[in-house]
């Protein structure tokens, strides 16, 4: 073979003439690693749940035990739920709606805070609530969501300190 002629058989034969094997290997490594690097950017990280640890979601539409446990009996809650539905209605005027139960002497009120917003399969709204159990007053801040049938369920409620 003459010195200036191109070789027909090169090892490896797929390298272009005049290119260095290390440069091609470096480019191949970069192109091979790029998808792996970008895939690392889309990893899902666990996010803490909205419900408190150990609590189960209640599929019956009742108030979660962490929200108002021990504050209301069944009749009080029936009356309070009607007031909650009226207060949180997105087409309502956003004013305070009260409830009372003359049999138990308990009473309370709900007032929406801000506008309703869509979330998953329903509409949610933040509210403030006051519950008066025969002189023992408690204030709560929470979020309630309604399903497509218009049933409101308290998703979260916690004590609220008035300022």
Protein backbone atom coordinates (compact mmCIF):
# COMPACT_ATOMS: atom_id res chain seq x y z
CA UNK A 1 0.00 0.00 0.00
CA UNK A 2 1.32 3.41 -0.87
CA UNK A 3 1.92 5.86 1.89
CA UNK A 4 -0.56 8.59 0.82
CA UNK A 5 -3.40 6.33 -0.26
CA UNK A 6 -6.45 5.58 1.78
CA UNK A 7 -6.61 2.23 3.40
CA UNK A 8 -9.48 0.03 2.40
CA UNK A 9 -9.38 -1.91 5.63
CA UNK A 10 -9.08 0.17 8.75
CA UNK A 11 -9.66 -0.97 12.28
CA UNK A 12 -12.29 -0.18 13.25
CA UNK A 13 -13.57 0.29 9.72
CA UNK A 14 -16.49 2.61 10.64
CA UNK A 15 -14.33 5.53 11.81
CA UNK A 16 -14.15 8.30 9.27
CA UNK A 17 -10.73 9.05 7.88
CA UNK A 18 -8.94 11.78 9.80
CA UNK A 19 -11.05 11.60 12.97
CA UNK A 20 -9.59 10.56 16.27
CA UNK A 21 -11.17 7.61 18.06
CA UNK A 22 -11.12 9.39 21.43
CA UNK A 23 -13.17 12.33 20.13
CA UNK A 24 -15.82 9.95 18.81
CA UNK A 25 -15.84 7.98 22.05
CA UNK A 26 -16.28 11.19 24.06
CA UNK A 27 -19.22 12.27 21.89
CA UNK A 28 -20.79 8.83 22.21
CA UNK A 29 -20.49 8.98 26.01
CA UNK A 30 -22.07 12.44 26.14
CA UNK A 31 -24.92 11.45 23.83
CA UNK A 32 -25.45 8.22 25.78
CA UNK A 33 -25.43 9.94 29.16
CA UNK A 34 -27.72 12.82 28.15
CA UNK A 35 -30.99 10.80 28.26
CA UNK A 36 -30.02 9.36 31.65
CA UNK A 37 -29.33 12.83 33.03
CA UNK A 38 -32.59 14.22 31.67
CA UNK A 39 -34.54 11.24 33.01
CA UNK A 40 -33.19 12.06 36.46
CA UNK A 41 -34.89 15.45 36.23
CA UNK A 42 -38.31 13.82 36.00
CA UNK A 43 -38.14 11.57 39.05
CA UNK A 44 -41.23 11.64 41.26
CA UNK A 45 -40.65 12.49 44.89
CA UNK A 46 -43.13 11.51 47.60
CA UNK A 47 -45.23 14.39 48.91
CA UNK A 48 -46.80 14.25 52.34
CA UNK A 49 -50.53 13.55 52.22
CA UNK A 50 -53.16 16.12 53.11
CA UNK A 51 -54.66 13.81 55.69
CA UNK A 52 -52.86 13.25 58.96
CA UNK A 53 -50.70 10.11 59.15
CA UNK A 54 -52.61 7.02 60.15
CA UNK A 55 -56.02 8.43 59.29
CA UNK A 56 -58.10 6.82 56.60
CA UNK A 57 -60.20 8.66 54.11
CA UNK A 58 -63.87 8.46 54.91
CA UNK A 59 -65.90 7.48 51.88
CA UNK A 60 -69.25 8.15 53.58
CA UNK A 61 -69.07 11.94 53.36
CA UNK A 62 -68.79 12.31 57.12
CA UNK A 63 -66.41 14.72 58.80
CA UNK A 64 -62.96 13.18 59.30
CA UNK A 65 -62.35 12.27 62.93
CA UNK A 66 -59.38 14.63 63.18
CA UNK A 67 -61.54 17.60 62.14
CA UNK A 68 -64.46 17.88 64.55
CA UNK A 69 -64.26 14.75 66.68
CA UNK A 70 -66.35 15.10 69.78
CA UNK A 71 -67.67 18.57 68.94
CA UNK A 72 -70.97 17.67 67.31
CA UNK A 73 -73.46 14.85 67.65
CA UNK A 74 -75.40 13.53 64.65
CA UNK A 75 -78.24 16.08 64.84
CA UNK A 76 -75.85 18.99 65.40
CA UNK A 77 -73.82 17.89 62.38
CA UNK A 78 -76.96 17.56 60.22
CA UNK A 79 -77.86 21.16 61.00
CA UNK A 80 -74.27 22.38 60.66
CA UNK A 81 -73.87 20.62 57.31
CA UNK A 82 -76.91 22.44 55.91
CA UNK A 83 -75.39 25.76 57.01
CA UNK A 84 -72.01 24.75 55.56
CA UNK A 85 -73.60 23.98 52.17
CA UNK A 86 -75.36 27.34 52.12
CA UNK A 87 -72.29 29.31 53.22
CA UNK A 88 -69.89 27.69 50.75
CA UNK A 89 -72.20 27.77 47.72
CA UNK A 90 -70.10 29.36 44.94
CA UNK A 91 -73.13 31.34 43.73
CA UNK A 92 -73.97 32.57 47.22
CA UNK A 93 -73.14 36.02 48.55
CA UNK A 94 -70.29 34.79 50.78
CA UNK A 95 -71.84 35.90 54.06
CA UNK A 96 -71.92 34.20 57.45
CA UNK A 97 -74.49 31.41 57.85
CA UNK A 98 -75.43 30.23 61.32
CA UNK A 99 -76.99 27.05 62.69
CA UNK A 100 -78.39 26.02 66.07
CA UNK A 101 -79.90 22.99 67.75
CA UNK A 102 -82.36 23.96 70.50
CA UNK A 103 -82.43 20.37 71.80
CA UNK A 104 -78.69 20.23 72.58
CA UNK A 105 -78.11 23.96 73.05
CA UNK A 106 -75.22 23.87 70.58
CA UNK A 107 -74.84 26.43 67.81
CA UNK A 108 -72.30 27.71 65.35
CA UNK A 109 -71.59 29.46 62.10
CA UNK A 110 -69.64 29.15 58.87
CA UNK A 111 -68.16 31.92 56.74
CA UNK A 112 -66.38 31.35 53.43
CA UNK A 113 -62.91 32.79 52.97
CA UNK A 114 -61.99 33.68 49.40
CA UNK A 115 -63.47 32.26 46.24
CA UNK A 116 -64.24 28.66 45.39
CA UNK A 117 -61.63 26.87 43.28
CA UNK A 118 -61.73 23.67 41.21
CA UNK A 119 -59.84 20.66 42.52
CA UNK A 120 -59.87 17.19 40.93
CA UNK A 121 -63.52 16.16 40.59
CA UNK A 122 -65.16 18.97 42.54
CA UNK A 123 -65.08 22.50 43.89
CA UNK A 124 -63.32 23.45 47.12
CA UNK A 125 -63.52 26.48 49.38
CA UNK A 126 -61.74 27.61 52.53
CA UNK A 127 -63.93 28.54 55.51
CA UNK A 128 -63.87 29.70 59.11
CA UNK A 129 -66.23 28.06 61.58
CA UNK A 130 -67.29 28.78 65.13
CA UNK A 131 -68.85 26.11 67.32
CA UNK A 132 -70.46 27.02 70.65
CA UNK A 133 -71.19 23.99 72.82
CA UNK A 134 -73.13 25.46 75.72
CA UNK A 135 -70.58 28.24 76.31
CA UNK A 136 -67.47 26.33 75.22
CA UNK A 137 -66.57 28.22 72.04
CA UNK A 138 -64.11 26.88 69.50
CA UNK A 139 -62.97 28.41 66.22
CA UNK A 140 -61.84 26.31 63.27
CA UNK A 141 -60.28 26.99 59.90
CA UNK A 142 -60.76 24.43 57.18
CA UNK A 143 -61.34 23.46 53.61
CA UNK A 144 -64.44 21.75 52.27
CA UNK A 145 -65.01 20.28 48.83
CA UNK A 146 -68.21 19.43 47.01
CA UNK A 147 -68.73 16.59 44.58
CA UNK A 148 -70.76 16.77 41.37
CA UNK A 149 -73.98 16.18 43.31
CA UNK A 150 -73.28 19.24 45.49
CA UNK A 151 -72.50 17.32 48.71
CA UNK A 152 -69.94 19.23 50.77
CA UNK A 153 -67.34 17.27 52.74
CA UNK A 154 -64.80 18.80 55.09
CA UNK A 155 -61.39 17.84 53.72
CA UNK A 156 -59.40 19.55 56.46
CA UNK A 157 -60.16 21.42 59.66
CA UNK A 158 -57.88 22.65 62.41
CA UNK A 159 -58.17 24.96 65.39
CA UNK A 160 -57.99 28.62 64.50
CA UNK A 161 -56.81 31.31 66.87
CA UNK A 162 -58.71 34.57 66.57
CA UNK A 163 -56.55 37.67 66.48
